Structure formats: structure tokens, C-alpha cells
């Protein structure tokens, strides 16, 4: 009986150790992926701004990209703000919007009327 209990606790501890090691590896992989995604996300936001600069209305940009209209507004506001501040950093709403496109809902979007052309 003692041997069975010793085996139980040793194996349970080993299983927990394996899971903890795997969890740490997964967290590192996710952190590396998040860091690597910063540049593509920035470029995606710039592409949305380029569409606006070409005269595409916001509702058309939303349709073309799969972003919601509020998310298009958020991306354009962020890009305009970053241009004024000279920053390449991104805000969480616009990043979430770009990550969610196409065809996925994004929480935290603001509402409002759309379809107006973007003034560049």
C-alpha cells in the first residue's frame, strides 16, 4: 500500500511538473508571437489609412477589410494621432480591430453613423 501511495504522489507531481514546463514554453511562444506581430499590425493600420487617403469612404473600407465601421474609425484615428505625435506605437482598440479582421467581431467598438469620406 505504501509503495502504491508513493508511486501515486510521485507520478502526480511529475504530471504537474510536465504541465508547468509546457505552460511556460507556451507563454514564451505567445510572447514571441505578440512581439513579432507588432510590425504587421502597424502595416495593416497603415494600409487602412492608405485606403482612406485614396478617397475610399469609411463604410467601403470596412466592407473591403472585414473590419466593422467603428473599428475603421478607430484605426484611422489612431493612425492620424500617431502621425501627429510622430509615434509608431499602436492603441489597443485599433490593434484589436486589425487582429480581428476579417469577419470576426471585436469588442469595445464605438458606435456612430458611417459612410462619410475620410478627410486626409
C-alpha atoms as a PDB file:
ATOM      1  CA  UNK A   1       0.000   0.000   0.000  1.00  0.00           C
ATOM      2  CA  UNK A   2       2.793   2.447   0.874  1.00  0.00           C
ATOM      3  CA  UNK A   3       4.508   1.780  -2.431  1.00  0.00           C
ATOM      4  CA  UNK A   4       1.287   2.485  -4.302  1.00  0.00           C
ATOM      5  CA  UNK A   5       0.829   5.801  -2.467  1.00  0.00           C
ATOM      6  CA  UNK A   6       4.461   6.794  -3.077  1.00  0.00           C
ATOM      7  CA  UNK A   7       4.012   5.983  -6.759  1.00  0.00           C
ATOM      8  CA  UNK A   8       0.767   7.965  -6.868  1.00  0.00           C
ATOM      9  CA  UNK A   9       2.324  11.118  -5.383  1.00  0.00           C
ATOM     10  CA  UNK A  10       5.500  10.850  -7.471  1.00  0.00           C
ATOM     11  CA  UNK A  11       3.556  10.450 -10.694  1.00  0.00           C
ATOM     12  CA  UNK A  12       1.085  13.184  -9.806  1.00  0.00           C
ATOM     13  CA  UNK A  13       3.990  15.528  -9.096  1.00  0.00           C
ATOM     14  CA  UNK A  14       5.667  14.553 -12.362  1.00  0.00           C
ATOM     15  CA  UNK A  15       2.463  15.247 -14.307  1.00  0.00           C
ATOM     16  CA  UNK A  16       2.158  18.696 -12.683  1.00  0.00           C
ATOM     17  CA  UNK A  17       5.812  19.419 -13.499  1.00  0.00           C
ATOM     18  CA  UNK A  18       5.294  18.460 -17.156  1.00  0.00           C
ATOM     19  CA  UNK A  19       2.246  20.724 -17.390  1.00  0.00           C
ATOM     20  CA  UNK A  20       4.099  23.620 -15.765  1.00  0.00           C
ATOM     21  CA  UNK A  21       7.004  23.241 -18.182  1.00  0.00           C
ATOM     22  CA  UNK A  22       4.642  23.118 -21.158  1.00  0.00           C
ATOM     23  CA  UNK A  23       2.737  26.163 -19.856  1.00  0.00           C
ATOM     24  CA  UNK A  24       5.980  28.152 -19.557  1.00  0.00           C
ATOM     25  CA  UNK A  25       7.001  27.193 -23.085  1.00  0.00           C
ATOM     26  CA  UNK A  26       3.577  28.134 -24.439  1.00  0.00           C
ATOM     27  CA  UNK A  27       3.697  31.523 -22.706  1.00  0.00           C
ATOM     28  CA  UNK A  28       7.104  32.216 -24.258  1.00  0.00           C
ATOM     29  CA  UNK A  29       5.879  31.223 -27.723  1.00  0.00           C
ATOM     30  CA  UNK A  30       2.854  33.514 -27.325  1.00  0.00           C
ATOM     31  CA  UNK A  31       5.019  36.402 -26.103  1.00  0.00           C
ATOM     32  CA  UNK A  32       7.364  35.961 -29.062  1.00  0.00           C
ATOM     33  CA  UNK A  33       4.402  35.861 -31.450  1.00  0.00           C
ATOM     34  CA  UNK A  34       2.920  39.035 -29.962  1.00  0.00           C
ATOM     35  CA  UNK A  35       6.245  40.832 -30.390  1.00  0.00           C
ATOM     36  CA  UNK A  36       6.586  39.598 -33.968  1.00  0.00           C
ATOM     37  CA  UNK A  37       3.019  40.698 -34.781  1.00  0.00           C
ATOM     38  CA  UNK A  38       3.618  44.360 -33.907  1.00  0.00           C
ATOM     39  CA  UNK A  39       5.098  45.298 -37.278  1.00  0.00           C
ATOM     40  CA  UNK A  40       2.458  43.531 -39.409  1.00  0.00           C
ATOM     41  CA  UNK A  41      -0.270  45.111 -37.288  1.00  0.00           C
ATOM     42  CA  UNK A  42       1.277  48.562 -37.785  1.00  0.00           C
ATOM     43  CA  UNK A  43       1.437  47.960 -41.534  1.00  0.00           C
ATOM     44  CA  UNK A  44      -2.172  46.771 -41.585  1.00  0.00           C
ATOM     45  CA  UNK A  45      -3.252  50.003 -39.871  1.00  0.00           C
ATOM     46  CA  UNK A  46      -1.236  51.991 -42.406  1.00  0.00           C
ATOM     47  CA  UNK A  47      -2.937  50.082 -45.224  1.00  0.00           C
ATOM     48  CA  UNK A  48      -6.334  51.111 -43.855  1.00  0.00           C
ATOM     49  CA  UNK A  49      -5.099  54.715 -43.780  1.00  0.00           C
ATOM     50  CA  UNK A  50      -3.834  54.355 -47.361  1.00  0.00           C
ATOM     51  CA  UNK A  51      -7.322  53.305 -48.460  1.00  0.00           C
ATOM     52  CA  UNK A  52      -8.719  56.404 -46.792  1.00  0.00           C
ATOM     53  CA  UNK A  53      -6.043  58.569 -48.442  1.00  0.00           C
ATOM     54  CA  UNK A  54      -7.124  57.141 -51.811  1.00  0.00           C
ATOM     55  CA  UNK A  55     -10.575  58.553 -51.118  1.00  0.00           C
ATOM     56  CA  UNK A  56     -12.371  55.383 -50.118  1.00  0.00           C
ATOM     57  CA  UNK A  57     -15.295  56.093 -47.787  1.00  0.00           C
ATOM     58  CA  UNK A  58     -15.115  54.542 -44.355  1.00  0.00           C
ATOM     59  CA  UNK A  59     -18.006  52.179 -44.973  1.00  0.00           C
ATOM     60  CA  UNK A  60     -16.314  50.898 -48.123  1.00  0.00           C
ATOM     61  CA  UNK A  61     -13.046  50.383 -46.212  1.00  0.00           C
ATOM     62  CA  UNK A  62     -14.994  48.391 -43.633  1.00  0.00           C
ATOM     63  CA  UNK A  63     -16.534  46.241 -46.351  1.00  0.00           C
ATOM     64  CA  UNK A  64     -13.216  45.698 -48.134  1.00  0.00           C
ATOM     65  CA  UNK A  65     -11.253  44.815 -44.998  1.00  0.00           C
ATOM     66  CA  UNK A  66     -13.846  42.978 -42.944  1.00  0.00           C
ATOM     67  CA  UNK A  67     -13.462  45.479 -40.113  1.00  0.00           C
ATOM     68  CA  UNK A  68     -16.522  46.992 -38.501  1.00  0.00           C
ATOM     69  CA  UNK A  69     -17.158  50.640 -39.267  1.00  0.00           C
ATOM     70  CA  UNK A  70     -16.342  51.713 -35.676  1.00  0.00           C
ATOM     71  CA  UNK A  71     -13.080  49.781 -35.926  1.00  0.00           C
ATOM     72  CA  UNK A  72     -12.196  51.531 -39.186  1.00  0.00           C
ATOM     73  CA  UNK A  73     -12.793  54.844 -37.419  1.00  0.00           C
ATOM     74  CA  UNK A  74     -10.600  53.733 -34.516  1.00  0.00           C
ATOM     75  CA  UNK A  75      -7.773  52.657 -36.820  1.00  0.00           C
ATOM     76  CA  UNK A  76      -7.921  55.916 -38.786  1.00  0.00           C
ATOM     77  CA  UNK A  77      -8.000  57.998 -35.607  1.00  0.00           C
ATOM     78  CA  UNK A  78      -5.042  56.086 -34.230  1.00  0.00           C
ATOM     79  CA  UNK A  79      -3.006  56.435 -37.413  1.00  0.00           C
ATOM     80  CA  UNK A  80      -3.814  60.158 -37.547  1.00  0.00           C
ATOM     81  CA  UNK A  81      -2.862  60.526 -33.882  1.00  0.00           C
ATOM     82  CA  UNK A  82       0.356  58.565 -34.365  1.00  0.00           C
ATOM     83  CA  UNK A  83       1.262  60.728 -37.340  1.00  0.00           C
ATOM     84  CA  UNK A  84       0.747  63.910 -35.342  1.00  0.00           C
ATOM     85  CA  UNK A  85       2.700  62.563 -32.375  1.00  0.00           C
ATOM     86  CA  UNK A  86       5.394  61.021 -34.570  1.00  0.00           C
ATOM     87  CA  UNK A  87       4.839  57.695 -32.846  1.00  0.00           C
ATOM     88  CA  UNK A  88       4.763  54.238 -34.354  1.00  0.00           C
ATOM     89  CA  UNK A  89       3.034  52.708 -31.317  1.00  0.00           C
ATOM     90  CA  UNK A  90      -0.474  51.374 -31.536  1.00  0.00           C
ATOM     91  CA  UNK A  91      -3.532  51.601 -29.367  1.00  0.00           C
ATOM     92  CA  UNK A  92      -5.371  48.573 -28.153  1.00  0.00           C
ATOM     93  CA  UNK A  93      -8.673  49.281 -29.941  1.00  0.00           C
ATOM     94  CA  UNK A  94      -7.079  49.644 -33.352  1.00  0.00           C
ATOM     95  CA  UNK A  95      -4.769  46.695 -32.791  1.00  0.00           C
ATOM     96  CA  UNK A  96      -7.726  44.576 -31.726  1.00  0.00           C
ATOM     97  CA  UNK A  97      -9.588  45.741 -34.812  1.00  0.00           C
ATOM     98  CA  UNK A  98      -6.790  44.759 -37.148  1.00  0.00           C
ATOM     99  CA  UNK A  99      -6.296  41.429 -35.371  1.00  0.00           C
ATOM    100  CA  UNK A 100      -9.990  40.646 -35.638  1.00  0.00           C
ATOM    101  CA  UNK A 101     -10.382  41.313 -39.355  1.00  0.00           C
ATOM    102  CA  UNK A 102     -11.714  39.870 -41.481  1.00  0.00           C
ATOM    103  CA  UNK A 103     -15.062  38.615 -40.344  1.00  0.00           C
ATOM    104  CA  UNK A 104     -14.546  38.430 -36.577  1.00  0.00           C
ATOM    105  CA  UNK A 105     -16.387  40.590 -34.069  1.00  0.00           C
ATOM    106  CA  UNK A 106     -14.368  42.989 -31.957  1.00  0.00           C
ATOM    107  CA  UNK A 107     -15.463  44.059 -28.501  1.00  0.00           C
ATOM    108  CA  UNK A 108     -15.134  47.634 -27.327  1.00  0.00           C
ATOM    109  CA  UNK A 109     -16.062  49.347 -30.595  1.00  0.00           C
ATOM    110  CA  UNK A 110     -17.702  52.719 -30.557  1.00  0.00           C
ATOM    111  CA  UNK A 111     -20.914  53.313 -32.448  1.00  0.00           C
ATOM    112  CA  UNK A 112     -21.878  56.055 -34.807  1.00  0.00           C
ATOM    113  CA  UNK A 113     -23.032  56.890 -38.310  1.00  0.00           C
ATOM    114  CA  UNK A 114     -20.832  55.959 -41.192  1.00  0.00           C
ATOM    115  CA  UNK A 115     -20.255  56.260 -44.878  1.00  0.00           C
ATOM    116  CA  UNK A 116     -18.607  59.639 -44.816  1.00  0.00           C
ATOM    117  CA  UNK A 117     -15.429  60.095 -46.849  1.00  0.00           C
ATOM    118  CA  UNK A 118     -12.238  60.469 -44.874  1.00  0.00           C
ATOM    119  CA  UNK A 119     -10.621  63.861 -44.993  1.00  0.00           C
ATOM    120  CA  UNK A 120      -6.907  63.250 -45.476  1.00  0.00           C
END
